[in-house]
N, C-alpha and C. Protein backbone atom coordinates (compact mmCIF):
# COMPACT_ATOMS: atom_id res chain seq x y z
N MET A 1 -42.55 -7.01 35.04
CA MET A 1 -41.19 -6.89 35.25
C MET A 1 -41.05 -6.16 36.68
N THR A 2 -40.22 -6.53 37.50
CA THR A 2 -40.23 -5.91 38.93
C THR A 2 -39.54 -4.73 38.81
N TYR A 3 -39.91 -3.57 39.34
CA TYR A 3 -39.39 -2.23 39.40
C TYR A 3 -37.88 -2.43 39.97
N GLU A 4 -36.96 -1.67 39.39
CA GLU A 4 -35.70 -1.47 39.93
C GLU A 4 -35.19 -0.08 39.82
N SER A 5 -34.77 0.53 40.88
CA SER A 5 -34.36 1.91 41.11
C SER A 5 -32.92 1.96 40.21
N LYS A 6 -33.00 3.23 39.89
CA LYS A 6 -31.72 3.59 39.06
C LYS A 6 -30.44 3.18 39.96
N GLN A 7 -30.43 3.49 41.18
CA GLN A 7 -29.33 3.19 41.96
C GLN A 7 -29.08 1.68 42.03
N LYS A 8 -30.07 0.86 42.27
CA LYS A 8 -29.77 -0.56 42.15
C LYS A 8 -29.38 -1.10 40.89
N LYS A 9 -29.91 -0.51 39.65
CA LYS A 9 -29.59 -0.65 38.45
C LYS A 9 -28.06 -0.42 38.13
N THR A 10 -27.70 0.76 38.70
CA THR A 10 -26.21 1.20 38.52
C THR A 10 -25.33 0.23 39.21
N LYS A 11 -25.66 -0.31 40.36
CA LYS A 11 -24.91 -1.22 41.14
C LYS A 11 -24.71 -2.57 40.39
N ARG A 12 -25.84 -2.99 39.70
CA ARG A 12 -25.92 -4.29 38.87
C ARG A 12 -25.02 -4.15 37.68
N VAL A 13 -25.00 -2.91 37.15
CA VAL A 13 -24.20 -2.64 35.93
C VAL A 13 -22.59 -2.67 36.47
N GLU A 14 -22.26 -2.28 37.57
CA GLU A 14 -21.03 -2.43 38.06
C GLU A 14 -20.68 -3.84 38.18
N LYS A 15 -21.42 -4.64 38.68
CA LYS A 15 -21.12 -5.98 38.85
C LYS A 15 -21.00 -6.70 37.30
N ILE A 16 -21.76 -6.25 36.37
CA ILE A 16 -21.70 -6.83 34.99
C ILE A 16 -20.32 -6.57 34.37
N ILE A 17 -20.10 -5.22 34.60
CA ILE A 17 -18.67 -4.75 34.08
C ILE A 17 -17.72 -5.45 34.74
N ASN A 18 -17.44 -5.85 36.04
CA ASN A 18 -16.57 -6.51 36.61
C ASN A 18 -16.22 -8.04 35.95
N LEU A 19 -17.56 -8.63 35.77
CA LEU A 19 -17.56 -10.05 35.08
C LEU A 19 -17.24 -9.77 33.59
N LEU A 20 -17.54 -8.83 32.92
CA LEU A 20 -17.07 -8.60 31.62
C LEU A 20 -15.59 -8.52 31.55
N ARG A 21 -14.97 -7.61 32.56
CA ARG A 21 -13.59 -7.38 32.61
C ARG A 21 -12.82 -8.69 32.69
N LYS A 22 -13.44 -9.58 33.49
CA LYS A 22 -12.78 -10.83 34.00
C LYS A 22 -12.63 -11.78 32.81
N TYR A 23 -13.89 -11.88 32.00
CA TYR A 23 -14.03 -12.84 30.98
C TYR A 23 -13.54 -12.38 29.62
N TYR A 24 -13.49 -11.02 29.39
CA TYR A 24 -13.27 -10.33 28.08
C TYR A 24 -12.19 -9.33 28.40
N PRO A 25 -11.21 -9.62 28.92
CA PRO A 25 -10.29 -8.50 29.34
C PRO A 25 -9.54 -7.80 28.05
N LYS A 26 -9.66 -8.52 27.01
CA LYS A 26 -8.89 -7.81 25.76
C LYS A 26 -9.97 -7.68 24.73
N ALA A 27 -11.03 -7.44 25.16
CA ALA A 27 -12.03 -7.18 24.03
C ALA A 27 -11.91 -5.70 23.52
N ASN A 28 -11.95 -5.68 22.14
CA ASN A 28 -11.61 -4.58 21.35
C ASN A 28 -12.32 -4.50 20.00
N CYS A 29 -12.20 -3.55 19.36
CA CYS A 29 -12.80 -3.33 18.01
C CYS A 29 -12.40 -4.44 17.03
N GLU A 30 -13.42 -5.20 16.45
CA GLU A 30 -13.04 -6.23 15.51
C GLU A 30 -13.03 -6.01 14.09
N LEU A 31 -13.05 -4.71 13.80
CA LEU A 31 -12.59 -4.06 12.50
C LEU A 31 -11.23 -3.89 12.46
N ASN A 32 -10.72 -4.41 11.16
CA ASN A 32 -9.27 -4.31 11.04
C ASN A 32 -8.96 -2.80 10.47
N PHE A 33 -8.01 -2.10 11.06
CA PHE A 33 -7.64 -0.78 10.54
C PHE A 33 -6.31 -0.34 11.12
N SER A 34 -5.59 0.57 10.39
CA SER A 34 -4.34 0.95 10.77
C SER A 34 -4.22 2.41 11.08
N ASN A 35 -5.44 3.32 10.81
CA ASN A 35 -5.35 4.53 10.84
C ASN A 35 -6.81 5.20 10.94
N PRO A 36 -7.19 6.34 11.54
CA PRO A 36 -8.51 6.77 11.69
C PRO A 36 -9.42 6.68 10.37
N LEU A 37 -8.78 7.03 9.15
CA LEU A 37 -9.51 6.96 8.01
C LEU A 37 -9.98 5.67 7.68
N GLU A 38 -9.15 4.75 7.85
CA GLU A 38 -9.51 3.31 7.54
C GLU A 38 -10.62 2.73 8.45
N LEU A 39 -10.53 3.14 9.68
CA LEU A 39 -11.59 2.81 10.58
C LEU A 39 -13.00 3.52 10.30
N LEU A 40 -12.90 4.76 9.89
CA LEU A 40 -14.17 5.42 9.35
C LEU A 40 -14.78 4.58 8.34
N ILE A 41 -13.95 4.37 7.26
CA ILE A 41 -14.51 3.68 5.93
C ILE A 41 -15.04 2.40 6.44
N ALA A 42 -14.28 1.55 7.25
CA ALA A 42 -14.74 0.13 7.71
C ALA A 42 -15.93 0.37 8.29
N THR A 43 -16.33 1.29 9.33
CA THR A 43 -17.39 1.52 10.16
C THR A 43 -18.58 1.86 9.26
N ILE A 44 -18.52 2.50 8.32
CA ILE A 44 -19.54 2.92 7.45
C ILE A 44 -19.80 1.68 6.56
N LEU A 45 -18.86 0.88 6.03
CA LEU A 45 -19.22 -0.50 5.46
C LEU A 45 -19.91 -1.50 6.44
N SER A 46 -19.76 -1.44 7.74
CA SER A 46 -20.26 -2.46 8.64
C SER A 46 -21.72 -2.25 8.75
N ALA A 47 -22.40 -1.18 8.27
CA ALA A 47 -23.79 -1.08 8.40
C ALA A 47 -24.54 -2.19 7.85
N GLN A 48 -25.27 -2.91 8.44
CA GLN A 48 -25.98 -4.06 8.04
C GLN A 48 -25.15 -5.08 7.42
N CYS A 49 -23.98 -5.36 7.98
CA CYS A 49 -23.05 -6.12 7.45
C CYS A 49 -21.98 -6.69 8.64
N THR A 50 -21.59 -7.88 8.48
CA THR A 50 -20.75 -8.35 9.63
C THR A 50 -19.49 -7.86 9.56
N ASP A 51 -18.65 -7.75 10.70
CA ASP A 51 -17.34 -7.26 10.60
C ASP A 51 -16.39 -8.21 9.89
N LYS A 52 -16.77 -9.53 10.01
CA LYS A 52 -15.91 -10.54 9.32
C LYS A 52 -16.01 -10.26 7.67
N ARG A 53 -17.15 -9.86 7.23
CA ARG A 53 -17.26 -9.65 5.83
C ARG A 53 -16.54 -8.29 5.44
N VAL A 54 -16.65 -7.39 6.32
CA VAL A 54 -16.00 -6.01 6.03
C VAL A 54 -14.48 -6.24 6.01
N ASN A 55 -13.97 -7.20 6.91
CA ASN A 55 -12.49 -7.27 7.05
C ASN A 55 -12.07 -8.14 5.80
N GLN A 56 -12.96 -8.80 5.13
CA GLN A 56 -12.44 -9.47 3.84
C GLN A 56 -12.40 -8.46 2.54
N VAL A 57 -13.09 -7.42 2.80
CA VAL A 57 -13.29 -6.37 1.76
C VAL A 57 -12.16 -5.40 1.72
N THR A 58 -11.89 -4.91 2.97
CA THR A 58 -11.00 -3.69 3.23
C THR A 58 -9.66 -3.85 2.89
N PRO A 59 -8.86 -4.97 2.84
CA PRO A 59 -7.69 -5.07 2.30
C PRO A 59 -7.35 -4.58 1.09
N ILE A 60 -8.26 -4.98 0.10
CA ILE A 60 -8.15 -4.48 -1.30
C ILE A 60 -8.49 -3.01 -1.41
N LEU A 61 -9.47 -2.58 -0.67
CA LEU A 61 -9.96 -1.04 -0.72
C LEU A 61 -8.86 -0.27 -0.14
N PHE A 62 -8.28 -0.54 0.94
CA PHE A 62 -7.32 0.15 1.67
C PHE A 62 -6.03 0.12 0.87
N LYS A 63 -5.60 -0.96 0.28
CA LYS A 63 -4.48 -0.87 -0.60
C LYS A 63 -4.56 0.05 -1.92
N LYS A 64 -5.69 0.09 -2.49
CA LYS A 64 -5.86 0.89 -3.61
C LYS A 64 -6.15 2.46 -3.24
N TYR A 65 -6.87 2.74 -2.09
CA TYR A 65 -7.15 4.11 -1.67
C TYR A 65 -6.46 4.33 -0.25
N LYS A 66 -5.57 5.21 -0.34
CA LYS A 66 -4.69 5.52 0.83
C LYS A 66 -5.10 6.65 1.57
N THR A 67 -5.75 7.71 0.86
CA THR A 67 -6.08 9.02 1.51
C THR A 67 -7.57 9.44 1.26
N ALA A 68 -8.01 10.44 1.87
CA ALA A 68 -9.41 10.97 1.60
C ALA A 68 -9.49 11.50 0.14
N LYS A 69 -8.49 11.99 -0.36
CA LYS A 69 -8.39 12.58 -1.67
C LYS A 69 -8.51 11.37 -2.66
N ASP A 70 -7.81 10.22 -2.45
CA ASP A 70 -8.03 9.14 -3.37
C ASP A 70 -9.46 8.65 -3.48
N TYR A 71 -10.24 8.52 -2.30
CA TYR A 71 -11.58 8.10 -2.46
C TYR A 71 -12.41 9.25 -3.18
N SER A 72 -11.91 10.40 -2.86
CA SER A 72 -12.71 11.60 -3.53
C SER A 72 -12.69 11.65 -5.00
N LYS A 73 -11.42 11.29 -5.49
CA LYS A 73 -11.08 11.04 -6.84
C LYS A 73 -11.49 9.93 -7.69
N ALA A 74 -11.93 8.90 -6.94
CA ALA A 74 -12.30 7.68 -7.53
C ALA A 74 -13.48 7.59 -8.22
N PRO A 75 -13.82 6.86 -9.26
CA PRO A 75 -15.11 6.70 -9.76
C PRO A 75 -15.88 5.88 -8.80
N VAL A 76 -17.03 6.23 -8.43
CA VAL A 76 -18.00 5.64 -7.42
C VAL A 76 -18.13 4.08 -7.80
N GLU A 77 -18.08 3.86 -9.22
CA GLU A 77 -18.25 2.30 -9.83
C GLU A 77 -17.07 1.61 -9.34
N ASP A 78 -16.01 2.21 -9.26
CA ASP A 78 -14.88 1.38 -8.87
C ASP A 78 -14.81 0.96 -7.26
N ILE A 79 -15.28 1.78 -6.50
CA ILE A 79 -15.58 1.63 -5.21
C ILE A 79 -16.71 0.57 -5.06
N GLU A 80 -17.67 0.76 -5.72
CA GLU A 80 -18.78 -0.29 -5.69
C GLU A 80 -18.37 -1.73 -6.01
N LYS A 81 -17.46 -1.93 -6.93
CA LYS A 81 -17.12 -3.23 -7.31
C LYS A 81 -16.17 -3.87 -6.13
N ILE A 82 -15.60 -3.18 -5.36
CA ILE A 82 -14.76 -3.63 -4.28
C ILE A 82 -15.70 -3.97 -3.19
N ILE A 83 -16.53 -3.29 -2.89
CA ILE A 83 -17.40 -3.44 -1.55
C ILE A 83 -18.76 -4.03 -1.77
N GLN A 84 -18.96 -4.53 -3.11
CA GLN A 84 -20.33 -5.10 -3.43
C GLN A 84 -20.84 -6.05 -2.44
N SER A 85 -19.84 -7.01 -1.82
CA SER A 85 -20.39 -8.04 -0.91
C SER A 85 -20.82 -7.69 0.29
N THR A 86 -20.56 -6.19 0.68
CA THR A 86 -20.96 -5.94 2.05
C THR A 86 -22.51 -5.43 2.09
N GLY A 87 -23.08 -5.48 0.93
CA GLY A 87 -24.59 -5.21 0.88
C GLY A 87 -24.76 -3.67 0.88
N PHE A 88 -25.94 -3.22 0.18
CA PHE A 88 -26.14 -1.74 0.04
C PHE A 88 -25.00 -1.11 -0.62
N TYR A 89 -24.24 -1.75 -1.45
CA TYR A 89 -22.86 -1.27 -1.88
C TYR A 89 -23.12 0.14 -2.66
N ARG A 90 -24.15 0.40 -3.39
CA ARG A 90 -24.33 1.52 -4.13
C ARG A 90 -24.32 2.80 -3.21
N SER A 91 -25.41 2.81 -2.10
CA SER A 91 -25.39 3.71 -1.21
C SER A 91 -24.14 4.12 -0.27
N LYS A 92 -23.50 2.86 0.05
CA LYS A 92 -22.33 2.89 0.82
C LYS A 92 -21.21 3.55 0.03
N ALA A 93 -20.93 3.23 -1.33
CA ALA A 93 -19.98 3.93 -2.06
C ALA A 93 -20.20 5.36 -2.38
N LYS A 94 -21.35 5.73 -2.46
CA LYS A 94 -21.73 7.14 -2.68
C LYS A 94 -21.48 7.91 -1.27
N ARG A 95 -21.89 7.20 -0.16
CA ARG A 95 -21.50 7.88 1.07
C ARG A 95 -20.03 8.10 1.34
N ILE A 96 -19.21 6.93 1.00
CA ILE A 96 -17.82 7.04 1.25
C ILE A 96 -17.05 8.03 0.37
N LYS A 97 -17.58 8.19 -0.89
CA LYS A 97 -16.99 9.17 -1.68
C LYS A 97 -17.31 10.63 -1.28
N THR A 98 -18.64 10.77 -0.93
CA THR A 98 -19.04 12.12 -0.49
C THR A 98 -18.49 12.52 0.85
N CYS A 99 -18.35 11.40 1.72
CA CYS A 99 -17.65 11.84 3.00
C CYS A 99 -16.13 12.14 2.76
N ALA A 100 -15.49 11.49 1.98
CA ALA A 100 -14.08 11.72 1.68
C ALA A 100 -13.86 12.93 1.02
N THR A 101 -14.69 13.44 0.23
CA THR A 101 -14.57 14.75 -0.47
C THR A 101 -14.63 15.84 0.48
N THR A 102 -15.71 15.73 1.48
CA THR A 102 -15.81 16.74 2.65
C THR A 102 -14.48 16.66 3.51
N LEU A 103 -13.86 15.58 3.70
CA LEU A 103 -12.74 15.44 4.69
C LEU A 103 -11.56 16.18 3.68
N TRP A 104 -11.40 16.00 2.51
CA TRP A 104 -10.46 16.49 1.77
C TRP A 104 -10.43 17.93 1.77
N LYS A 105 -11.70 18.51 1.43
CA LYS A 105 -11.84 19.86 1.30
C LYS A 105 -12.06 20.80 2.50
N LYS A 106 -12.63 20.16 3.39
CA LYS A 106 -12.87 20.93 4.75
C LYS A 106 -12.02 20.68 5.88
N HIS A 107 -11.30 19.44 5.83
CA HIS A 107 -10.54 19.06 7.03
C HIS A 107 -9.14 18.62 6.58
N ASN A 108 -8.73 19.03 5.38
CA ASN A 108 -7.34 18.66 4.98
C ASN A 108 -7.03 17.20 4.94
N GLY A 109 -8.10 16.47 4.63
CA GLY A 109 -8.02 14.95 4.62
C GLY A 109 -7.99 14.30 5.93
N LYS A 110 -8.08 15.13 6.95
CA LYS A 110 -7.95 14.52 8.39
C LYS A 110 -9.36 13.96 9.00
N ILE A 111 -9.26 13.16 9.80
CA ILE A 111 -10.58 12.92 10.58
C ILE A 111 -10.68 13.75 11.66
N PRO A 112 -11.80 14.40 11.94
CA PRO A 112 -12.01 15.35 12.94
C PRO A 112 -12.31 14.71 14.37
N ARG A 113 -11.73 15.22 15.19
CA ARG A 113 -11.94 14.60 16.69
C ARG A 113 -13.22 15.28 17.43
N LYS A 114 -14.02 15.83 16.89
CA LYS A 114 -15.27 16.39 17.47
C LYS A 114 -16.43 15.82 17.02
N MET A 115 -17.59 15.37 17.81
CA MET A 115 -18.76 14.69 17.38
C MET A 115 -19.44 15.61 16.38
N GLU A 116 -19.63 16.78 16.67
CA GLU A 116 -20.44 17.59 15.59
C GLU A 116 -19.79 17.44 14.16
N ALA A 117 -18.47 17.74 14.06
CA ALA A 117 -17.93 17.73 12.83
C ALA A 117 -18.05 16.32 12.11
N LEU A 118 -18.00 15.17 12.92
CA LEU A 118 -18.04 13.77 12.34
C LEU A 118 -19.57 13.56 11.95
N LEU A 119 -20.45 14.03 12.62
CA LEU A 119 -21.96 14.08 12.36
C LEU A 119 -22.24 14.59 10.92
N ALA A 120 -21.38 15.64 10.70
CA ALA A 120 -21.80 16.44 9.52
C ALA A 120 -21.29 15.66 8.20
N LEU A 121 -20.52 14.56 8.46
CA LEU A 121 -20.05 13.78 7.38
C LEU A 121 -21.16 12.86 6.81
N SER A 122 -21.10 12.56 5.36
CA SER A 122 -22.05 11.65 4.88
C SER A 122 -21.81 10.27 5.34
N GLY A 123 -22.86 9.66 5.77
CA GLY A 123 -22.84 8.12 6.27
C GLY A 123 -22.30 8.10 7.56
N VAL A 124 -22.30 9.23 8.40
CA VAL A 124 -21.95 9.13 9.82
C VAL A 124 -22.99 9.44 10.67
N GLY A 125 -23.41 8.44 11.43
CA GLY A 125 -24.32 8.82 12.55
C GLY A 125 -23.59 8.73 14.10
N ARG A 126 -24.37 8.75 14.98
CA ARG A 126 -23.65 8.71 16.34
C ARG A 126 -22.84 7.33 16.52
N LYS A 127 -23.41 6.21 16.15
CA LYS A 127 -22.64 4.88 16.26
C LYS A 127 -21.30 4.94 15.58
N THR A 128 -21.31 5.39 14.49
CA THR A 128 -20.06 5.38 13.71
C THR A 128 -19.16 6.52 14.33
N ALA A 129 -19.67 7.72 14.68
CA ALA A 129 -18.77 8.74 15.35
C ALA A 129 -18.11 8.17 16.67
N ASN A 130 -19.00 7.46 17.49
CA ASN A 130 -18.59 7.02 18.78
C ASN A 130 -17.40 5.86 18.52
N VAL A 131 -17.57 4.96 17.44
CA VAL A 131 -16.68 3.90 17.09
C VAL A 131 -15.34 4.60 16.84
N VAL A 132 -15.43 5.62 15.92
CA VAL A 132 -14.31 6.37 15.50
C VAL A 132 -13.41 7.07 16.57
N LEU A 133 -14.33 7.75 17.41
CA LEU A 133 -13.55 8.55 18.52
C LEU A 133 -13.16 7.68 19.48
N GLY A 134 -13.74 6.59 19.83
CA GLY A 134 -13.35 5.76 20.94
C GLY A 134 -12.17 4.86 20.62
N ASN A 135 -12.16 4.34 19.22
CA ASN A 135 -10.95 3.52 18.82
C ASN A 135 -9.90 4.01 18.17
N ALA A 136 -10.15 5.06 17.50
CA ALA A 136 -9.05 5.77 16.82
C ALA A 136 -8.32 6.83 17.69
N PHE A 137 -9.06 7.50 18.67
CA PHE A 137 -8.54 8.70 19.43
C PHE A 137 -8.79 8.31 20.88
N GLN A 138 -9.27 7.11 21.22
CA GLN A 138 -9.53 6.95 22.74
C GLN A 138 -10.26 8.10 23.47
N ILE A 139 -11.19 8.55 22.64
CA ILE A 139 -12.17 9.69 23.33
C ILE A 139 -13.56 9.06 23.53
N SER A 140 -13.90 9.04 24.94
CA SER A 140 -15.08 8.34 25.35
C SER A 140 -16.28 9.59 24.91
N SER A 141 -16.96 9.25 23.93
CA SER A 141 -17.90 10.26 23.48
C SER A 141 -19.29 9.86 23.86
N GLY A 142 -19.30 8.34 23.89
CA GLY A 142 -20.75 7.77 24.30
C GLY A 142 -20.62 6.32 23.89
N VAL A 143 -21.47 5.44 24.57
CA VAL A 143 -21.46 4.10 24.30
C VAL A 143 -21.94 3.90 22.83
N VAL A 144 -21.28 2.95 22.25
CA VAL A 144 -21.77 2.55 20.90
C VAL A 144 -22.97 1.76 20.99
N VAL A 145 -23.91 1.87 20.10
CA VAL A 145 -25.14 1.17 20.20
C VAL A 145 -25.40 0.46 18.78
N ASP A 146 -25.08 -0.92 18.87
CA ASP A 146 -25.42 -1.54 17.62
C ASP A 146 -26.52 -2.65 17.94
N THR A 147 -26.65 -3.49 17.06
CA THR A 147 -27.83 -4.47 17.30
C THR A 147 -27.58 -5.35 18.58
N HIS A 148 -26.31 -5.75 18.79
CA HIS A 148 -25.94 -6.64 19.93
C HIS A 148 -26.11 -5.70 21.16
N VAL A 149 -25.72 -4.54 21.34
CA VAL A 149 -25.89 -3.62 22.38
C VAL A 149 -27.33 -3.35 22.64
N THR A 150 -28.08 -3.19 21.64
CA THR A 150 -29.59 -3.01 21.74
C THR A 150 -30.23 -4.27 22.33
N ARG A 151 -29.93 -5.33 21.66
CA ARG A 151 -30.52 -6.65 22.21
C ARG A 151 -30.19 -6.98 23.76
N LEU A 152 -28.74 -6.92 24.19
CA LEU A 152 -28.48 -7.33 25.38
C LEU A 152 -28.89 -6.20 26.50
N SER A 153 -28.79 -4.90 26.08
CA SER A 153 -29.32 -3.95 27.01
C SER A 153 -30.84 -4.21 27.47
N ASN A 154 -31.65 -4.55 26.42
CA ASN A 154 -33.15 -4.76 26.82
C ASN A 154 -33.12 -6.25 27.48
N ARG A 155 -32.42 -7.32 27.12
CA ARG A 155 -32.39 -8.52 27.86
C ARG A 155 -31.89 -8.41 29.32
N LEU A 156 -30.91 -7.34 29.50
CA LEU A 156 -30.50 -7.19 30.87
C LEU A 156 -31.42 -6.30 31.62
N ASN A 157 -32.36 -5.97 30.99
CA ASN A 157 -33.41 -4.85 31.66
C ASN A 157 -32.74 -3.57 32.02
N LEU A 158 -31.68 -3.20 31.33
CA LEU A 158 -31.07 -1.85 31.70
C LEU A 158 -31.86 -0.69 30.71
N VAL A 159 -32.60 -1.21 29.70
CA VAL A 159 -33.40 -0.13 29.06
C VAL A 159 -34.60 -0.93 28.39
N GLN A 160 -35.68 -0.25 28.10
CA GLN A 160 -36.85 -0.96 27.51
C GLN A 160 -37.09 0.04 26.23
N SER A 161 -36.28 -0.14 25.22
CA SER A 161 -36.29 0.60 24.23
C SER A 161 -35.66 0.01 22.87
N LYS A 162 -35.93 0.37 21.78
CA LYS A 162 -35.11 -0.07 20.51
C LYS A 162 -34.50 1.25 19.69
N SER A 163 -34.78 2.35 20.33
CA SER A 163 -34.04 3.40 19.84
C SER A 163 -32.60 3.67 20.38
N ALA A 164 -31.75 3.69 19.28
CA ALA A 164 -30.20 3.82 19.57
C ALA A 164 -29.94 5.00 20.26
N GLU A 165 -30.58 6.09 19.95
CA GLU A 165 -30.35 7.36 20.66
C GLU A 165 -30.76 7.28 22.22
N GLU A 166 -31.90 6.74 22.37
CA GLU A 166 -32.49 6.58 23.70
C GLU A 166 -31.64 5.61 24.61
N ILE A 167 -31.20 4.56 23.97
CA ILE A 167 -30.38 3.56 24.70
C ILE A 167 -29.11 4.20 24.99
N GLU A 168 -28.52 4.94 24.16
CA GLU A 168 -27.13 5.48 24.32
C GLU A 168 -27.14 6.48 25.49
N ILE A 169 -28.25 7.13 25.58
CA ILE A 169 -28.47 8.27 26.74
C ILE A 169 -28.59 7.53 28.02
N ILE A 170 -29.33 6.58 28.01
CA ILE A 170 -29.51 5.81 29.35
C ILE A 170 -28.27 5.00 29.88
N LEU A 171 -27.54 4.38 28.85
CA LEU A 171 -26.33 3.63 29.18
C LEU A 171 -25.31 4.57 29.56
N ASN A 172 -25.18 5.85 29.02
CA ASN A 172 -24.20 6.85 29.35
C ASN A 172 -24.41 7.16 30.81
N GLN A 173 -25.65 7.15 31.26
CA GLN A 173 -26.01 7.61 32.73
C GLN A 173 -25.88 6.34 33.63
N LEU A 174 -25.85 5.08 33.10
CA LEU A 174 -25.77 4.10 34.01
C LEU A 174 -24.23 3.54 34.19
N ILE A 175 -23.42 3.83 33.15
CA ILE A 175 -22.18 3.33 33.11
C ILE A 175 -21.10 4.37 33.27
N ALA A 176 -20.09 4.04 34.18
CA ALA A 176 -18.99 5.18 34.34
C ALA A 176 -18.20 5.43 33.02
N LYS A 177 -18.16 6.71 32.68
CA LYS A 177 -17.52 7.07 31.44
C LYS A 177 -16.21 6.27 31.28
N LYS A 178 -15.38 6.09 32.12
CA LYS A 178 -14.10 5.30 31.75
C LYS A 178 -14.33 3.97 31.28
N PHE A 179 -15.54 3.34 31.42
CA PHE A 179 -15.80 2.17 30.89
C PHE A 179 -16.77 1.98 29.56
N TRP A 180 -16.97 3.36 29.02
CA TRP A 180 -17.96 3.41 27.78
C TRP A 180 -17.39 2.75 26.66
N ILE A 181 -16.12 2.95 26.36
CA ILE A 181 -15.45 2.12 25.24
C ILE A 181 -15.47 0.65 25.34
N PHE A 182 -15.01 0.27 26.61
CA PHE A 182 -14.82 -1.19 26.90
C PHE A 182 -16.29 -1.85 26.96
N TRP A 183 -17.30 -1.24 27.44
CA TRP A 183 -18.67 -1.76 27.57
C TRP A 183 -19.03 -2.10 26.13
N SER A 184 -18.82 -1.35 25.12
CA SER A 184 -19.38 -1.48 23.83
C SER A 184 -18.67 -2.69 23.28
N HIS A 185 -17.30 -2.89 23.43
CA HIS A 185 -16.69 -3.98 22.88
C HIS A 185 -17.05 -5.34 23.61
N ALA A 186 -17.05 -5.33 24.86
CA ALA A 186 -17.34 -6.45 25.54
C ALA A 186 -18.78 -7.11 25.26
N ILE A 187 -19.92 -6.15 25.40
CA ILE A 187 -21.07 -6.59 25.11
C ILE A 187 -21.29 -7.07 23.74
N ILE A 188 -20.84 -6.51 22.84
CA ILE A 188 -20.65 -6.97 21.35
C ILE A 188 -20.14 -8.30 21.18
N HIS A 189 -19.12 -8.61 22.01
CA HIS A 189 -18.22 -9.87 22.18
C HIS A 189 -19.33 -10.80 22.61
N HIS A 190 -20.02 -10.52 23.76
CA HIS A 190 -20.81 -11.44 24.41
C HIS A 190 -22.07 -11.66 23.48
N GLY A 191 -22.51 -10.69 22.77
CA GLY A 191 -23.59 -11.06 22.09
C GLY A 191 -23.37 -11.92 20.88
N ARG A 192 -22.19 -11.89 20.44
CA ARG A 192 -21.84 -12.69 19.21
C ARG A 192 -21.50 -14.20 19.62
N ARG A 193 -21.00 -14.35 20.95
CA ARG A 193 -20.67 -15.47 21.40
C ARG A 193 -21.55 -16.35 22.24
N ILE A 194 -22.41 -15.61 23.08
CA ILE A 194 -23.35 -16.22 24.11
C ILE A 194 -24.68 -15.72 23.90
N CYS A 195 -24.94 -14.38 23.99
CA CYS A 195 -26.31 -13.87 24.09
C CYS A 195 -26.77 -13.75 22.57
N LYS A 196 -26.82 -14.69 21.84
CA LYS A 196 -27.19 -14.70 20.44
C LYS A 196 -28.65 -14.32 20.33
N ALA A 197 -28.92 -13.75 19.01
CA ALA A 197 -30.34 -13.34 18.81
C ALA A 197 -31.38 -14.33 18.88
N ARG A 198 -31.17 -15.36 18.29
CA ARG A 198 -32.25 -16.51 18.03
C ARG A 198 -32.19 -17.48 19.25
N ARG A 199 -31.03 -17.99 19.63
CA ARG A 199 -30.95 -18.70 20.65
C ARG A 199 -29.92 -18.59 21.54
N PRO A 200 -30.03 -17.74 22.62
CA PRO A 200 -29.24 -17.27 23.66
C PRO A 200 -28.69 -18.47 24.42
N LEU A 201 -27.30 -18.54 24.69
CA LEU A 201 -26.86 -19.80 25.43
C LEU A 201 -26.86 -19.36 26.88
N CYS A 202 -28.12 -19.26 27.41
CA CYS A 202 -28.13 -18.85 28.81
C CYS A 202 -27.44 -19.83 29.78
N GLU A 203 -27.45 -21.01 29.38
CA GLU A 203 -26.82 -21.99 30.26
C GLU A 203 -25.27 -21.98 30.34
N LYS A 204 -24.68 -21.24 29.45
CA LYS A 204 -23.17 -20.93 29.46
C LYS A 204 -22.90 -19.58 29.98
N CYS A 205 -23.96 -18.81 30.25
CA CYS A 205 -23.72 -17.34 30.49
C CYS A 205 -23.20 -17.05 31.81
N PHE A 206 -22.16 -16.34 31.87
CA PHE A 206 -21.70 -15.90 33.14
C PHE A 206 -22.31 -14.80 34.01
N LEU A 207 -23.16 -14.14 33.07
CA LEU A 207 -24.18 -13.06 33.62
C LEU A 207 -25.39 -13.40 34.17
N ILE A 208 -25.71 -14.71 34.06
CA ILE A 208 -27.06 -15.34 34.36
C ILE A 208 -27.51 -14.89 35.65
N ASP A 209 -26.82 -14.67 36.70
CA ASP A 209 -27.39 -14.43 38.04
C ASP A 209 -27.87 -12.81 38.04
N LEU A 210 -27.28 -12.14 37.15
CA LEU A 210 -27.45 -10.81 36.95
C LEU A 210 -28.43 -10.26 35.88
N CYS A 211 -28.91 -11.19 35.23
CA CYS A 211 -29.86 -11.01 33.92
C CYS A 211 -31.11 -11.47 34.25
N PRO A 212 -32.25 -10.51 34.04
CA PRO A 212 -33.71 -11.17 34.09
C PRO A 212 -34.12 -11.56 32.81
N GLN A 213 -33.23 -11.88 31.90
CA GLN A 213 -33.47 -12.43 30.65
C GLN A 213 -34.77 -11.93 29.92
N SER A 214 -34.89 -10.51 30.10
CA SER A 214 -36.21 -9.93 29.58
C SER A 214 -36.29 -10.11 28.05
N GLY A 215 -37.33 -10.80 27.62
CA GLY A 215 -37.80 -10.89 26.15
C GLY A 215 -37.10 -12.26 25.66
N VAL A 216 -36.56 -13.05 26.49
CA VAL A 216 -36.01 -14.27 26.20
C VAL A 216 -36.99 -15.44 26.27
N LYS A 217 -37.29 -15.96 25.14
CA LYS A 217 -38.18 -17.19 25.17
C LYS A 217 -37.71 -18.31 25.89
N LYS A 218 -38.50 -18.86 26.87
CA LYS A 218 -38.05 -20.08 27.80
C LYS A 218 -38.84 -21.26 27.61
């Protein structure tokens, strides 16, 4: 791999962002929600599950449980039955109930707007916290790093790591803060539609001239 200085990489990122804004001007969170609590619950459910599947489950869940207190009081078995198709449903149900109990008892049922407070909740890591802060409150706390962002960041040779924490640190340095929220949505969009895991559609990719296709089988 040819060495690329941070300055050149930053310039390349700016060009990538311009193209992403051109092709995905309305890229946004694909989880359905109407308030911060719903987004938090949906994001917890999205772990190792598609947004499409989560969106099939949450209408029933959100209709039955409106507040953090509702989740806290609910028998964990009842939550399990509703979310079973999202996978790992037993651990997710426990996390949701424990998380909701903390929200109810320590935060008056409200979703905190601080990273430290969110990370103290059961089932919440930096990815979930960044999703909630960015999409519920428009707070740019950091780039969301999921499997798509991990894959594309490596293929674009912006990082050479599989560590979500390390990738976020590097991307936060390369990308202007005002684009952190948009970048996550647009890259996830691109990963689902073009730069797929098994067979990336490089021939259809508008980023081809800016992408070294690192790790892509040719």
